[in-house]
Each structure stands twice: as C-alpha cells, then as structure tokens.
Amino acid sequence: MTAQAETRGWMQRFTAIDLVTIALFAVILRYAALPVYKALYVVFPWNQAVFPLFMAFCMATMLAIVPKPGTTLLWTIVWMLINFFLQGEELVYALGSMPIPIIAEIVFWVMKRWGGDLTSALVGTMVYTAGFKIWDWIALNQIFQIPYELPIFLLVSAVAVFVTNNIGAYVGHRLGMRLKRLIG
C-alpha cells in the first residue's frame, strides 16, 4: 500500500476542491484583470504595470488556500488555456510562457526548504512577474514585431515587479489567509 502511495503522480496531490480553486482564480484573473488591462491600452506601455497587480493578487490568494507544489504551474496552464480559447491568444505566446511557473515553483520550493512559508514568499511572485515581463519583451519584439523601446520597458517592468506586484501579493496573501481561516 505504501509503495502505491509513493508512486502517485504530482496531479494526484490535488483534491477536486484544489482544482476548482485554481480554476476559479484563473477565471478571476481572466475576467477581472484583462478587461482593465485592455481598457488601459491608451496608456501603453503603462498598462503593462497594472496586470502584475492582478496577477500577484490572484496568485498569492490562491497559494494561501492551496499551498501545494505545482499550484502556480496548473494556474498558469488554466489561464493560458482560457486566453487561448476565449481571447484568441497566440499559441506561441501561451506555450512560451509555460517555463515561467516552473522557475517560480523552484523558488517556492527553495523558500519552503529554508523554513519560509510557501504562501508568504513575495520573492516567488516577483520571480514569476519578472519572468513574464522578460517573456513579454521577447514576444513583443521578436514574435509579434511590435517595437518596444528597452529603456521604457525596463522602467515599466521595474514598476511592475517591485511596486504593483508587491501590492497585489500583499493584499492577496492577507485575503487568502482570511479565506483559509474561514474555510477551516
């Protein structure tokens, strides 16, 4: 019986409630953040700094409720699938963003091994946001051929990674801990 328990795959660690929670926060990100992001296209590239606020908020709240390895990977897969099928996201962008949560998962794992709380690791959300900002730069300039000046990109990314990301992660973590206490 123990040999069978040891050979379980990483997806079997998640309960149905965990998977519904992950999907719920992916839907919240898609339907709460993306309309605001698109409405702010008139102030491009500064709309790029608003999206990490919602992304970190949803991720920190979700990680407080479902603090299991692989959560950010599943969450990214779900919201990229939503974007691909409902928004018409480019497939190359969706597939290219898949290594980013793996890097964040490694950071969360290291933080947990060092004794830090998995859900309070602001460093993990910063790595996740920084990874998406780097991928945005590559995708916009190389794949979609949209000129994006490097100095402006670096300024917007610094604001996104160090200001709006931390605000979203802090508020999301606090809300997630309250929800976790409420759930039990």
N, C-alpha and C. Protein backbone atom coordinates (compact mmCIF):
# COMPACT_ATOMS: atom_id res chain seq x y z
N MET A 1 0.81 -1.19 0.00
CA MET A 1 0.00 0.00 0.00
C MET A 1 0.86 1.26 0.00
N THR A 2 1.97 1.23 0.75
CA THR A 2 2.83 2.42 0.79
C THR A 2 3.57 2.61 -0.52
N ALA A 3 3.90 1.52 -1.20
CA ALA A 3 4.58 1.66 -2.49
C ALA A 3 3.67 2.34 -3.50
N GLN A 4 2.37 2.04 -3.42
CA GLN A 4 1.43 2.68 -4.32
C GLN A 4 1.30 4.17 -3.99
N ALA A 5 1.31 4.52 -2.73
CA ALA A 5 1.19 5.91 -2.33
C ALA A 5 2.43 6.71 -2.76
N GLU A 6 3.59 6.08 -2.75
CA GLU A 6 4.81 6.76 -3.14
C GLU A 6 4.90 6.99 -4.65
N THR A 7 4.23 6.17 -5.43
CA THR A 7 4.33 6.29 -6.88
C THR A 7 3.23 7.16 -7.47
N ARG A 8 2.43 7.80 -6.63
CA ARG A 8 1.37 8.66 -7.14
C ARG A 8 1.98 9.84 -7.88
N GLY A 9 1.33 10.27 -8.94
CA GLY A 9 1.80 11.41 -9.71
C GLY A 9 1.52 12.73 -8.99
N TRP A 10 2.15 13.78 -9.47
CA TRP A 10 2.01 15.07 -8.80
C TRP A 10 0.60 15.63 -8.95
N MET A 11 -0.14 15.24 -9.98
CA MET A 11 -1.51 15.72 -10.14
C MET A 11 -2.45 15.11 -9.11
N GLN A 12 -2.11 13.94 -8.60
CA GLN A 12 -2.98 13.27 -7.65
C GLN A 12 -2.89 13.88 -6.25
N ARG A 13 -1.96 14.82 -6.05
CA ARG A 13 -1.88 15.52 -4.77
C ARG A 13 -3.02 16.52 -4.60
N PHE A 14 -3.61 16.91 -5.71
CA PHE A 14 -4.66 17.92 -5.68
C PHE A 14 -6.03 17.27 -5.54
N THR A 15 -6.83 17.82 -4.63
CA THR A 15 -8.21 17.36 -4.50
C THR A 15 -9.06 18.10 -5.52
N ALA A 16 -10.30 17.71 -5.63
CA ALA A 16 -11.22 18.38 -6.55
C ALA A 16 -11.42 19.84 -6.13
N ILE A 17 -11.47 20.07 -4.83
CA ILE A 17 -11.62 21.44 -4.32
C ILE A 17 -10.41 22.29 -4.68
N ASP A 18 -9.21 21.71 -4.61
CA ASP A 18 -8.00 22.43 -5.01
C ASP A 18 -8.06 22.83 -6.48
N LEU A 19 -8.47 21.89 -7.32
CA LEU A 19 -8.53 22.17 -8.75
C LEU A 19 -9.59 23.22 -9.08
N VAL A 20 -10.71 23.17 -8.38
CA VAL A 20 -11.75 24.19 -8.58
C VAL A 20 -11.25 25.55 -8.12
N THR A 21 -10.52 25.60 -7.02
CA THR A 21 -9.95 26.85 -6.53
C THR A 21 -8.96 27.43 -7.53
N ILE A 22 -8.10 26.59 -8.07
CA ILE A 22 -7.12 27.04 -9.06
C ILE A 22 -7.84 27.58 -10.30
N ALA A 23 -8.85 26.86 -10.77
CA ALA A 23 -9.61 27.31 -11.94
C ALA A 23 -10.36 28.61 -11.64
N LEU A 24 -10.90 28.73 -10.44
CA LEU A 24 -11.62 29.94 -10.06
C LEU A 24 -10.70 31.17 -10.11
N PHE A 25 -9.50 31.05 -9.59
CA PHE A 25 -8.58 32.19 -9.61
C PHE A 25 -8.04 32.47 -11.02
N ALA A 26 -7.99 31.46 -11.86
CA ALA A 26 -7.63 31.71 -13.27
C ALA A 26 -8.74 32.48 -13.97
N VAL A 27 -9.98 32.13 -13.68
CA VAL A 27 -11.12 32.84 -14.27
C VAL A 27 -11.18 34.27 -13.73
N ILE A 28 -10.92 34.44 -12.44
CA ILE A 28 -10.91 35.79 -11.87
C ILE A 28 -9.84 36.64 -12.54
N LEU A 29 -8.67 36.07 -12.74
CA LEU A 29 -7.61 36.81 -13.43
C LEU A 29 -8.04 37.18 -14.84
N ARG A 30 -8.63 36.24 -15.53
CA ARG A 30 -9.02 36.48 -16.93
C ARG A 30 -10.13 37.52 -17.03
N TYR A 31 -11.14 37.43 -16.19
CA TYR A 31 -12.30 38.29 -16.36
C TYR A 31 -12.28 39.54 -15.50
N ALA A 32 -11.37 39.66 -14.55
CA ALA A 32 -11.25 40.90 -13.78
C ALA A 32 -10.08 41.75 -14.25
N ALA A 33 -8.95 41.11 -14.52
CA ALA A 33 -7.74 41.86 -14.86
C ALA A 33 -7.65 42.23 -16.33
N LEU A 34 -7.95 41.29 -17.19
CA LEU A 34 -7.74 41.57 -18.61
C LEU A 34 -8.63 42.67 -19.17
N PRO A 35 -9.89 42.81 -18.74
CA PRO A 35 -10.65 43.97 -19.23
C PRO A 35 -10.05 45.31 -18.78
N VAL A 36 -9.56 45.37 -17.55
CA VAL A 36 -8.91 46.60 -17.07
C VAL A 36 -7.63 46.85 -17.87
N TYR A 37 -6.88 45.79 -18.08
CA TYR A 37 -5.64 45.87 -18.86
C TYR A 37 -5.91 46.38 -20.28
N LYS A 38 -6.92 45.83 -20.91
CA LYS A 38 -7.25 46.25 -22.28
C LYS A 38 -7.82 47.66 -22.31
N ALA A 39 -8.56 48.04 -21.29
CA ALA A 39 -9.09 49.40 -21.25
C ALA A 39 -7.97 50.43 -21.14
N LEU A 40 -6.86 50.03 -20.58
CA LEU A 40 -5.72 50.93 -20.42
C LEU A 40 -4.74 50.88 -21.58
N TYR A 41 -5.14 50.30 -22.72
CA TYR A 41 -4.27 50.29 -23.90
C TYR A 41 -3.89 51.70 -24.34
N VAL A 42 -4.74 52.67 -24.02
CA VAL A 42 -4.44 54.04 -24.44
C VAL A 42 -3.21 54.59 -23.75
N VAL A 43 -2.83 54.02 -22.61
CA VAL A 43 -1.63 54.48 -21.91
C VAL A 43 -0.49 53.46 -22.02
N PHE A 44 -0.49 52.69 -23.13
CA PHE A 44 0.59 51.74 -23.36
C PHE A 44 1.92 52.48 -23.30
N PRO A 45 2.90 52.00 -22.64
CA PRO A 45 3.14 50.69 -22.04
C PRO A 45 2.79 50.60 -20.56
N TRP A 46 2.18 51.64 -19.99
CA TRP A 46 1.92 51.62 -18.55
C TRP A 46 0.83 50.63 -18.16
N ASN A 47 0.02 50.19 -19.11
CA ASN A 47 -0.93 49.14 -18.79
C ASN A 47 -0.20 47.84 -18.44
N GLN A 48 1.04 47.71 -18.90
CA GLN A 48 1.86 46.53 -18.58
C GLN A 48 2.18 46.46 -17.08
N ALA A 49 2.15 47.60 -16.40
CA ALA A 49 2.44 47.62 -14.96
C ALA A 49 1.22 47.32 -14.12
N VAL A 50 0.02 47.40 -14.70
CA VAL A 50 -1.21 47.13 -13.94
C VAL A 50 -1.50 45.64 -13.87
N PHE A 51 -1.22 44.91 -14.92
CA PHE A 51 -1.55 43.49 -14.95
C PHE A 51 -0.87 42.68 -13.83
N PRO A 52 0.42 42.94 -13.49
CA PRO A 52 1.02 42.18 -12.38
C PRO A 52 0.34 42.40 -11.03
N LEU A 53 -0.34 43.53 -10.86
CA LEU A 53 -1.11 43.75 -9.63
C LEU A 53 -2.17 42.66 -9.48
N PHE A 54 -2.94 42.43 -10.54
CA PHE A 54 -3.97 41.40 -10.51
C PHE A 54 -3.38 40.00 -10.49
N MET A 55 -2.29 39.81 -11.25
CA MET A 55 -1.66 38.50 -11.33
C MET A 55 -1.12 38.08 -9.96
N ALA A 56 -0.42 38.98 -9.28
CA ALA A 56 0.13 38.66 -7.96
C ALA A 56 -0.98 38.50 -6.92
N PHE A 57 -2.03 39.32 -7.04
CA PHE A 57 -3.15 39.20 -6.11
C PHE A 57 -3.79 37.83 -6.21
N CYS A 58 -4.11 37.40 -7.44
CA CYS A 58 -4.74 36.09 -7.63
C CYS A 58 -3.81 34.95 -7.22
N MET A 59 -2.52 35.07 -7.57
CA MET A 59 -1.59 34.00 -7.26
C MET A 59 -1.36 33.88 -5.75
N ALA A 60 -1.18 35.00 -5.06
CA ALA A 60 -0.94 34.94 -3.61
C ALA A 60 -2.17 34.44 -2.87
N THR A 61 -3.35 34.86 -3.28
CA THR A 61 -4.58 34.38 -2.64
C THR A 61 -4.73 32.89 -2.86
N MET A 62 -4.52 32.45 -4.10
CA MET A 62 -4.65 31.04 -4.43
C MET A 62 -3.62 30.19 -3.66
N LEU A 63 -2.37 30.68 -3.56
CA LEU A 63 -1.34 29.93 -2.85
C LEU A 63 -1.59 29.86 -1.34
N ALA A 64 -2.27 30.85 -0.80
CA ALA A 64 -2.62 30.79 0.62
C ALA A 64 -3.67 29.71 0.87
N ILE A 65 -4.54 29.49 -0.10
CA ILE A 65 -5.60 28.50 0.05
C ILE A 65 -5.12 27.11 -0.37
N VAL A 66 -4.33 27.02 -1.44
CA VAL A 66 -3.82 25.75 -1.97
C VAL A 66 -2.29 25.80 -1.98
N PRO A 67 -1.65 25.61 -0.83
CA PRO A 67 -0.18 25.71 -0.78
C PRO A 67 0.52 24.40 -1.13
N LYS A 68 0.34 23.95 -2.35
CA LYS A 68 0.94 22.68 -2.78
C LYS A 68 1.87 22.92 -3.95
N PRO A 69 2.92 22.12 -4.06
CA PRO A 69 3.81 22.24 -5.22
C PRO A 69 3.04 21.98 -6.52
N GLY A 70 3.29 22.80 -7.50
CA GLY A 70 2.63 22.66 -8.79
C GLY A 70 1.41 23.54 -8.97
N THR A 71 1.03 24.27 -7.92
CA THR A 71 -0.16 25.10 -7.99
C THR A 71 -0.01 26.21 -9.03
N THR A 72 1.13 26.91 -9.03
CA THR A 72 1.29 28.01 -9.99
C THR A 72 1.39 27.48 -11.42
N LEU A 73 1.94 26.30 -11.59
CA LEU A 73 2.01 25.71 -12.93
C LEU A 73 0.60 25.42 -13.45
N LEU A 74 -0.22 24.77 -12.64
CA LEU A 74 -1.60 24.48 -13.06
C LEU A 74 -2.38 25.76 -13.31
N TRP A 75 -2.19 26.75 -12.45
CA TRP A 75 -2.89 28.03 -12.59
C TRP A 75 -2.51 28.71 -13.90
N THR A 76 -1.23 28.71 -14.23
CA THR A 76 -0.78 29.32 -15.48
C THR A 76 -1.33 28.57 -16.68
N ILE A 77 -1.33 27.24 -16.62
CA ILE A 77 -1.88 26.45 -17.72
C ILE A 77 -3.36 26.79 -17.92
N VAL A 78 -4.11 26.88 -16.83
CA VAL A 78 -5.55 27.16 -16.94
C VAL A 78 -5.80 28.55 -17.50
N TRP A 79 -5.09 29.58 -16.99
CA TRP A 79 -5.41 30.91 -17.52
C TRP A 79 -4.87 31.13 -18.91
N MET A 80 -3.81 30.41 -19.30
CA MET A 80 -3.37 30.50 -20.69
C MET A 80 -4.34 29.76 -21.62
N LEU A 81 -4.92 28.65 -21.17
CA LEU A 81 -5.94 27.97 -21.97
C LEU A 81 -7.18 28.84 -22.13
N ILE A 82 -7.58 29.51 -21.06
CA ILE A 82 -8.71 30.43 -21.16
C ILE A 82 -8.40 31.53 -22.17
N ASN A 83 -7.21 32.10 -22.07
CA ASN A 83 -6.82 33.14 -23.02
C ASN A 83 -6.77 32.61 -24.45
N PHE A 84 -6.25 31.41 -24.62
CA PHE A 84 -6.12 30.85 -25.96
C PHE A 84 -7.48 30.59 -26.59
N PHE A 85 -8.38 29.95 -25.84
CA PHE A 85 -9.67 29.57 -26.43
C PHE A 85 -10.69 30.69 -26.45
N LEU A 86 -10.68 31.58 -25.46
CA LEU A 86 -11.70 32.63 -25.40
C LEU A 86 -11.23 33.97 -25.95
N GLN A 87 -9.96 34.28 -25.79
CA GLN A 87 -9.45 35.57 -26.23
C GLN A 87 -8.78 35.47 -27.59
N GLY A 88 -8.33 34.29 -27.95
CA GLY A 88 -7.59 34.12 -29.19
C GLY A 88 -6.12 34.42 -29.03
N GLU A 89 -5.59 34.13 -27.85
CA GLU A 89 -4.17 34.34 -27.57
C GLU A 89 -3.33 33.55 -28.57
N GLU A 90 -2.23 34.11 -28.95
CA GLU A 90 -1.33 33.40 -29.86
C GLU A 90 -0.80 32.14 -29.17
N LEU A 91 -0.81 31.03 -29.88
CA LEU A 91 -0.35 29.76 -29.31
C LEU A 91 1.12 29.82 -28.92
N VAL A 92 1.93 30.50 -29.71
CA VAL A 92 3.36 30.58 -29.40
C VAL A 92 3.58 31.34 -28.09
N TYR A 93 2.75 32.34 -27.80
CA TYR A 93 2.87 33.08 -26.55
C TYR A 93 2.46 32.19 -25.37
N ALA A 94 1.35 31.48 -25.54
CA ALA A 94 0.87 30.61 -24.46
C ALA A 94 1.87 29.50 -24.15
N LEU A 95 2.42 28.88 -25.18
CA LEU A 95 3.40 27.80 -24.96
C LEU A 95 4.72 28.33 -24.43
N GLY A 96 5.11 29.50 -24.88
CA GLY A 96 6.37 30.09 -24.42
C GLY A 96 6.35 30.54 -22.98
N SER A 97 5.16 30.75 -22.45
CA SER A 97 5.07 31.19 -21.06
C SER A 97 5.06 30.04 -20.06
N MET A 98 5.04 28.80 -20.52
CA MET A 98 4.97 27.66 -19.61
C MET A 98 6.22 27.45 -18.74
N PRO A 99 7.44 27.77 -19.18
CA PRO A 99 8.58 27.59 -18.26
C PRO A 99 8.58 28.57 -17.08
N ILE A 100 7.87 29.67 -17.18
CA ILE A 100 7.90 30.69 -16.13
C ILE A 100 7.39 30.16 -14.79
N PRO A 101 6.23 29.48 -14.72
CA PRO A 101 5.81 28.97 -13.41
C PRO A 101 6.71 27.87 -12.88
N ILE A 102 7.41 27.17 -13.75
CA ILE A 102 8.35 26.14 -13.28
C ILE A 102 9.48 26.81 -12.50
N ILE A 103 9.98 27.93 -13.01
CA ILE A 103 11.01 28.68 -12.29
C ILE A 103 10.47 29.20 -10.97
N ALA A 104 9.24 29.72 -10.98
CA ALA A 104 8.62 30.19 -9.73
C ALA A 104 8.42 29.05 -8.75
N GLU A 105 8.05 27.88 -9.24
CA GLU A 105 7.88 26.71 -8.36
C GLU A 105 9.20 26.34 -7.69
N ILE A 106 10.31 26.44 -8.42
CA ILE A 106 11.63 26.15 -7.84
C ILE A 106 11.93 27.16 -6.73
N VAL A 107 11.61 28.44 -6.97
CA VAL A 107 11.83 29.46 -5.94
C VAL A 107 10.96 29.18 -4.72
N PHE A 108 9.68 28.82 -4.93
CA PHE A 108 8.80 28.50 -3.80
C PHE A 108 9.33 27.30 -3.03
N TRP A 109 9.84 26.29 -3.73
CA TRP A 109 10.37 25.10 -3.09
C TRP A 109 11.60 25.45 -2.24
N VAL A 110 12.51 26.26 -2.81
CA VAL A 110 13.71 26.67 -2.06
C VAL A 110 13.32 27.48 -0.84
N MET A 111 12.37 28.41 -1.00
CA MET A 111 11.94 29.22 0.15
C MET A 111 11.33 28.34 1.24
N LYS A 112 10.58 27.32 0.84
CA LYS A 112 9.98 26.43 1.82
C LYS A 112 11.04 25.59 2.53
N ARG A 113 12.06 25.15 1.79
CA ARG A 113 13.14 24.36 2.39
C ARG A 113 13.95 25.19 3.38
N TRP A 114 14.05 26.49 3.14
CA TRP A 114 14.77 27.38 4.05
C TRP A 114 13.94 27.75 5.26
N GLY A 115 12.73 27.23 5.35
CA GLY A 115 11.91 27.48 6.51
C GLY A 115 10.88 28.57 6.31
N GLY A 116 10.87 29.20 5.15
CA GLY A 116 9.88 30.24 4.88
C GLY A 116 8.54 29.63 4.54
N ASP A 117 7.48 30.39 4.77
CA ASP A 117 6.15 29.94 4.44
C ASP A 117 5.97 30.03 2.93
N LEU A 118 5.46 28.96 2.35
CA LEU A 118 5.28 28.91 0.91
C LEU A 118 4.40 30.05 0.40
N THR A 119 3.36 30.37 1.15
CA THR A 119 2.42 31.37 0.67
C THR A 119 2.89 32.79 0.91
N SER A 120 3.87 33.00 1.77
CA SER A 120 4.30 34.37 2.05
C SER A 120 5.57 34.74 1.29
N ALA A 121 5.96 33.93 0.32
CA ALA A 121 7.19 34.18 -0.42
C ALA A 121 6.93 35.23 -1.50
N LEU A 122 7.14 36.50 -1.14
CA LEU A 122 7.00 37.56 -2.14
C LEU A 122 8.04 37.41 -3.23
N VAL A 123 9.14 36.77 -2.89
CA VAL A 123 10.21 36.57 -3.87
C VAL A 123 9.69 35.71 -5.03
N GLY A 124 8.89 34.71 -4.72
CA GLY A 124 8.34 33.85 -5.76
C GLY A 124 7.43 34.60 -6.71
N THR A 125 6.58 35.46 -6.17
CA THR A 125 5.71 36.24 -7.06
C THR A 125 6.52 37.24 -7.87
N MET A 126 7.61 37.77 -7.28
CA MET A 126 8.46 38.69 -8.03
C MET A 126 9.17 37.97 -9.17
N VAL A 127 9.63 36.74 -8.92
CA VAL A 127 10.28 35.96 -9.98
C VAL A 127 9.27 35.63 -11.08
N TYR A 128 8.06 35.28 -10.68
CA TYR A 128 7.01 34.97 -11.65
C TYR A 128 6.71 36.19 -12.52
N THR A 129 6.54 37.36 -11.89
CA THR A 129 6.26 38.59 -12.64
C THR A 129 7.44 38.98 -13.52
N ALA A 130 8.65 38.89 -12.99
CA ALA A 130 9.83 39.23 -13.78
C ALA A 130 9.96 38.28 -14.98
N GLY A 131 9.66 37.02 -14.78
CA GLY A 131 9.69 36.07 -15.88
C GLY A 131 8.70 36.43 -16.97
N PHE A 132 7.50 36.83 -16.57
CA PHE A 132 6.51 37.24 -17.57
C PHE A 132 6.91 38.53 -18.26
N LYS A 133 7.56 39.44 -17.56
CA LYS A 133 8.00 40.69 -18.19
C LYS A 133 9.09 40.40 -19.22
N ILE A 134 10.01 39.50 -18.91
CA ILE A 134 11.05 39.13 -19.88
C ILE A 134 10.41 38.45 -21.08
N TRP A 135 9.46 37.55 -20.83
CA TRP A 135 8.78 36.87 -21.93
C TRP A 135 7.98 37.87 -22.78
N ASP A 136 7.35 38.88 -22.14
CA ASP A 136 6.65 39.92 -22.89
C ASP A 136 7.60 40.66 -23.82
N TRP A 137 8.79 40.96 -23.31
CA TRP A 137 9.77 41.67 -24.15
C TRP A 137 10.14 40.83 -25.37
N ILE A 138 10.41 39.56 -25.15
CA ILE A 138 10.78 38.67 -26.26
C ILE A 138 9.61 38.52 -27.23
N ALA A 139 8.41 38.29 -26.69
CA ALA A 139 7.25 38.08 -27.55
C ALA A 139 6.89 39.33 -28.34
N LEU A 140 6.89 40.48 -27.68
CA LEU A 140 6.51 41.72 -28.39
C LEU A 140 7.52 42.08 -29.47
N ASN A 141 8.78 42.02 -29.16
CA ASN A 141 9.80 42.44 -30.13
C ASN A 141 10.13 41.40 -31.19
N GLN A 142 10.21 40.15 -30.81
CA GLN A 142 10.69 39.13 -31.73
C GLN A 142 9.56 38.39 -32.46
N ILE A 143 8.50 38.07 -31.74
CA ILE A 143 7.44 37.26 -32.35
C ILE A 143 6.40 38.15 -33.04
N PHE A 144 5.88 39.14 -32.30
CA PHE A 144 4.81 39.97 -32.84
C PHE A 144 5.33 41.21 -33.57
N GLN A 145 6.64 41.45 -33.52
CA GLN A 145 7.29 42.56 -34.22
C GLN A 145 6.70 43.92 -33.83
N ILE A 146 6.37 44.11 -32.55
CA ILE A 146 5.90 45.39 -32.04
C ILE A 146 7.10 46.09 -31.42
N PRO A 147 7.50 47.24 -31.93
CA PRO A 147 8.68 47.90 -31.35
C PRO A 147 8.39 48.38 -29.93
N TYR A 148 9.28 48.04 -29.04
CA TYR A 148 9.13 48.37 -27.62
C TYR A 148 10.51 48.79 -27.15
N GLU A 149 10.69 50.05 -26.90
CA GLU A 149 12.00 50.59 -26.52
C GLU A 149 12.48 49.99 -25.21
N LEU A 150 13.73 49.60 -25.16
CA LEU A 150 14.29 48.94 -23.97
C LEU A 150 14.25 49.83 -22.72
N PRO A 151 14.63 51.11 -22.76
CA PRO A 151 14.57 51.92 -21.53
C PRO A 151 13.16 52.04 -20.96
N ILE A 152 12.17 52.23 -21.82
CA ILE A 152 10.79 52.31 -21.35
C ILE A 152 10.36 50.96 -20.79
N PHE A 153 10.73 49.88 -21.47
CA PHE A 153 10.39 48.55 -21.00
C PHE A 153 10.98 48.30 -19.61
N LEU A 154 12.24 48.67 -19.41
CA LEU A 154 12.89 48.45 -18.12
C LEU A 154 12.23 49.25 -17.02
N LEU A 155 11.83 50.48 -17.30
CA LEU A 155 11.15 51.30 -16.31
C LEU A 155 9.79 50.71 -15.94
N VAL A 156 9.01 50.35 -16.95
CA VAL A 156 7.69 49.77 -16.71
C VAL A 156 7.82 48.44 -15.97
N SER A 157 8.78 47.64 -16.36
CA SER A 157 8.98 46.35 -15.70
C SER A 157 9.42 46.51 -14.26
N ALA A 158 10.26 47.49 -13.98
CA ALA A 158 10.68 47.74 -12.59
C ALA A 158 9.47 48.13 -11.74
N VAL A 159 8.61 48.99 -12.26
CA VAL A 159 7.40 49.36 -11.53
C VAL A 159 6.52 48.13 -11.33
N ALA A 160 6.38 47.31 -12.38
CA ALA A 160 5.53 46.12 -12.31
C ALA A 160 6.06 45.11 -11.29
N VAL A 161 7.38 44.86 -11.32
CA VAL A 161 7.95 43.82 -10.46
C VAL A 161 8.05 44.27 -9.01
N PHE A 162 8.44 45.51 -8.78
CA PHE A 162 8.74 45.95 -7.41
C PHE A 162 7.62 46.72 -6.73
N VAL A 163 6.68 47.27 -7.48
CA VAL A 163 5.62 48.07 -6.84
C VAL A 163 4.27 47.35 -6.94
N THR A 164 3.73 47.27 -8.16
CA THR A 164 2.38 46.71 -8.28
C THR A 164 2.33 45.22 -7.91
N ASN A 165 3.38 44.47 -8.22
CA ASN A 165 3.43 43.06 -7.84
C ASN A 165 3.37 42.90 -6.32
N ASN A 166 4.15 43.67 -5.60
CA ASN A 166 4.19 43.54 -4.15
C ASN A 166 2.89 43.98 -3.49
N ILE A 167 2.25 45.01 -4.04
CA ILE A 167 0.96 45.43 -3.51
C ILE A 167 -0.06 44.31 -3.71
N GLY A 168 -0.12 43.76 -4.92
CA GLY A 168 -1.05 42.67 -5.20
C GLY A 168 -0.78 41.44 -4.36
N ALA A 169 0.49 41.08 -4.20
CA ALA A 169 0.84 39.89 -3.42
C ALA A 169 0.52 40.08 -1.94
N TYR A 170 0.77 41.26 -1.42
CA TYR A 170 0.49 41.52 0.00
C TYR A 170 -1.01 41.45 0.27
N VAL A 171 -1.80 42.15 -0.54
CA VAL A 171 -3.25 42.15 -0.34
C VAL A 171 -3.82 40.76 -0.60
N GLY A 172 -3.34 40.08 -1.63
CA GLY A 172 -3.81 38.74 -1.93
C GLY A 172 -3.46 37.74 -0.84
N HIS A 173 -2.26 37.84 -0.28
CA HIS A 173 -1.86 36.94 0.79
C HIS A 173 -2.74 37.14 2.02
N ARG A 174 -2.99 38.39 2.37
CA ARG A 174 -3.84 38.66 3.55
C ARG A 174 -5.25 38.14 3.33
N LEU A 175 -5.81 38.38 2.14
CA LEU A 175 -7.15 37.87 1.84
C LEU A 175 -7.16 36.35 1.83
N GLY A 176 -6.14 35.73 1.24
CA GLY A 176 -6.06 34.27 1.19
C GLY A 176 -5.98 33.65 2.57
N MET A 177 -5.22 34.26 3.48
CA MET A 177 -5.13 33.72 4.84
C MET A 177 -6.47 33.85 5.57
N ARG A 178 -7.18 34.94 5.33
CA ARG A 178 -8.52 35.09 5.94
C ARG A 178 -9.48 34.07 5.38
N LEU A 179 -9.45 33.86 4.06
CA LEU A 179 -10.31 32.86 3.46
C LEU A 179 -9.98 31.45 3.95
N LYS A 180 -8.70 31.18 4.12
CA LYS A 180 -8.28 29.86 4.61
C LYS A 180 -8.79 29.62 6.03
N ARG A 181 -8.70 30.66 6.87
CA ARG A 181 -9.24 30.53 8.24
C ARG A 181 -10.76 30.35 8.22
N LEU A 182 -11.42 31.02 7.29
CA LEU A 182 -12.88 30.92 7.17
C LEU A 182 -13.28 29.54 6.70
N ILE A 183 -12.53 29.00 5.75
CA ILE A 183 -12.83 27.67 5.23
C ILE A 183 -12.56 26.60 6.28
N GLY A 184 -11.50 26.79 7.05
CA GLY A 184 -11.22 25.86 8.13
C GLY A 184 -9.94 25.18 8.06
